[in-house]
Amino acid sequence: MSELFSRLTSDPEICHGQLCVRGLRYPVSMLLELLASGMSEQEILADYPDLEAEDLRACLTYAAQLSETKSIFKVVV
């Protein structure tokens, strides 16, 4: 699983620090929305040739892990 998560990165200089795929400008949230809208993996990969099937699996794995979160705490800085 850590292999998949290594494909997900966050950089303040890219997409305002949103979680993205491999430092590319593809936010995880956008890819999850595409999958949720009914686009197939093949359609997404055809539309975004920089992406790989493992990138989409990493997004889905991240979403699955996030859904297991028991508590969310607001962090005040």
C-alpha atoms as a PDB file:
ATOM      1  CA  MET A   1       0.000   0.000   0.000  1.00  0.00           C
ATOM      2  CA  SER A   2       2.826   2.443   0.763  1.00  0.00           C
ATOM      3  CA  GLU A   3       3.984   1.845  -2.806  1.00  0.00           C
ATOM      4  CA  LEU A   4       0.677   3.213  -4.060  1.00  0.00           C
ATOM      5  CA  PHE A   5       0.664   6.106  -1.611  1.00  0.00           C
ATOM      6  CA  SER A   6       4.113   7.157  -2.800  1.00  0.00           C
ATOM      7  CA  ARG A   7       2.364   8.139  -6.051  1.00  0.00           C
ATOM      8  CA  LEU A   8       0.389  10.812  -4.177  1.00  0.00           C
ATOM      9  CA  THR A   9       2.195  14.042  -3.394  1.00  0.00           C
ATOM     10  CA  SER A  10       1.460  17.426  -1.905  1.00  0.00           C
ATOM     11  CA  ASP A  11       3.517  20.480  -2.828  1.00  0.00           C
ATOM     12  CA  PRO A  12       2.507  24.056  -1.943  1.00  0.00           C
ATOM     13  CA  GLU A  13       3.779  25.117  -5.388  1.00  0.00           C
ATOM     14  CA  ILE A  14       1.485  22.685  -7.235  1.00  0.00           C
ATOM     15  CA  CYS A  15      -2.314  23.109  -7.141  1.00  0.00           C
ATOM     16  CA  HIS A  16      -2.066  25.098  -3.890  1.00  0.00           C
ATOM     17  CA  GLY A  17      -0.837  22.078  -1.977  1.00  0.00           C
ATOM     18  CA  GLN A  18      -3.742  19.810  -2.899  1.00  0.00           C
ATOM     19  CA  LEU A  19      -2.953  16.108  -2.931  1.00  0.00           C
ATOM     20  CA  CYS A  20      -1.917  15.304  -6.518  1.00  0.00           C
ATOM     21  CA  VAL A  21      -0.644  12.364  -8.506  1.00  0.00           C
ATOM     22  CA  ARG A  22       3.149  12.124  -8.806  1.00  0.00           C
ATOM     23  CA  GLY A  23       3.726  15.872  -8.666  1.00  0.00           C
ATOM     24  CA  LEU A  24       1.607  16.352 -11.771  1.00  0.00           C
ATOM     25  CA  ARG A  25      -1.244  18.838 -11.772  1.00  0.00           C
ATOM     26  CA  TYR A  26      -3.901  16.162 -11.392  1.00  0.00           C
ATOM     27  CA  PRO A  27      -5.572  16.538  -7.991  1.00  0.00           C
ATOM     28  CA  VAL A  28      -6.730  13.308  -6.392  1.00  0.00           C
ATOM     29  CA  SER A  29     -10.140  14.890  -5.789  1.00  0.00           C
ATOM     30  CA  MET A  30     -10.608  15.584  -9.524  1.00  0.00           C
ATOM     31  CA  LEU A  31      -9.718  12.023 -10.485  1.00  0.00           C
ATOM     32  CA  LEU A  32     -12.081  10.631  -7.848  1.00  0.00           C
ATOM     33  CA  GLU A  33     -14.837  12.889  -9.202  1.00  0.00           C
ATOM     34  CA  LEU A  34     -14.219  11.571 -12.724  1.00  0.00           C
ATOM     35  CA  LEU A  35     -14.474   7.986 -11.495  1.00  0.00           C
ATOM     36  CA  ALA A  36     -17.598   8.818  -9.475  1.00  0.00           C
ATOM     37  CA  SER A  37     -19.197  10.435 -12.539  1.00  0.00           C
ATOM     38  CA  GLY A  38     -18.994   7.113 -14.347  1.00  0.00           C
ATOM     39  CA  MET A  39     -15.878   7.556 -16.453  1.00  0.00           C
ATOM     40  CA  SER A  40     -14.036   4.298 -16.850  1.00  0.00           C
ATOM     41  CA  GLU A  41     -10.375   3.871 -16.019  1.00  0.00           C
ATOM     42  CA  GLN A  42      -9.667   3.456 -19.735  1.00  0.00           C
ATOM     43  CA  GLU A  43     -11.461   6.713 -20.598  1.00  0.00           C
ATOM     44  CA  ILE A  44      -9.539   8.659 -17.971  1.00  0.00           C
ATOM     45  CA  LEU A  45      -6.209   7.200 -19.059  1.00  0.00           C
ATOM     46  CA  ALA A  46      -7.022   8.047 -22.691  1.00  0.00           C
ATOM     47  CA  ASP A  47      -7.904  11.651 -21.770  1.00  0.00           C
ATOM     48  CA  TYR A  48      -4.863  12.096 -19.495  1.00  0.00           C
ATOM     49  CA  PRO A  49      -1.935  10.238 -21.089  1.00  0.00           C
ATOM     50  CA  ASP A  50       0.472  11.242 -18.272  1.00  0.00           C
ATOM     51  CA  LEU A  51      -1.499   9.046 -15.866  1.00  0.00           C
ATOM     52  CA  GLU A  52      -1.029   5.342 -15.255  1.00  0.00           C
ATOM     53  CA  ALA A  53      -3.513   2.762 -14.006  1.00  0.00           C
ATOM     54  CA  GLU A  54      -1.594   2.565 -10.706  1.00  0.00           C
ATOM     55  CA  ASP A  55      -2.228   6.292 -10.190  1.00  0.00           C
ATOM     56  CA  LEU A  56      -5.974   5.714 -10.256  1.00  0.00           C
ATOM     57  CA  ARG A  57      -5.623   2.753  -7.894  1.00  0.00           C
ATOM     58  CA  ALA A  58      -3.638   4.975  -5.535  1.00  0.00           C
ATOM     59  CA  CYS A  59      -6.472   7.533  -5.578  1.00  0.00           C
ATOM     60  CA  LEU A  60      -9.072   4.870  -4.854  1.00  0.00           C
ATOM     61  CA  THR A  61      -6.949   3.349  -2.089  1.00  0.00           C
ATOM     62  CA  TYR A  62      -6.508   6.795  -0.532  1.00  0.00           C
ATOM     63  CA  ALA A  63     -10.280   7.381  -0.640  1.00  0.00           C
ATOM     64  CA  ALA A  64     -10.935   3.979   0.920  1.00  0.00           C
ATOM     65  CA  GLN A  65      -8.485   4.695   3.743  1.00  0.00           C
ATOM     66  CA  LEU A  66      -9.959   8.153   4.253  1.00  0.00           C
ATOM     67  CA  SER A  67     -13.434   6.664   4.605  1.00  0.00           C
ATOM     68  CA  GLU A  68     -12.134   4.592   7.532  1.00  0.00           C
ATOM     69  CA  THR A  69     -11.251   7.722   9.509  1.00  0.00           C
ATOM     70  CA  LYS A  70     -12.998   7.604  12.866  1.00  0.00           C
ATOM     71  CA  SER A  71     -12.456  11.214  13.932  1.00  0.00           C
ATOM     72  CA  ILE A  72     -11.440  14.415  12.233  1.00  0.00           C
ATOM     73  CA  PHE A  73      -9.907  17.172  14.283  1.00  0.00           C
ATOM     74  CA  LYS A  74      -9.562  20.772  13.269  1.00  0.00           C
ATOM     75  CA  VAL A  75      -5.967  21.923  13.605  1.00  0.00           C
ATOM     76  CA  VAL A  76      -5.582  25.565  14.580  1.00  0.00           C
ATOM     77  CA  VAL A  77      -2.214  27.084  13.808  1.00  0.00           C
END
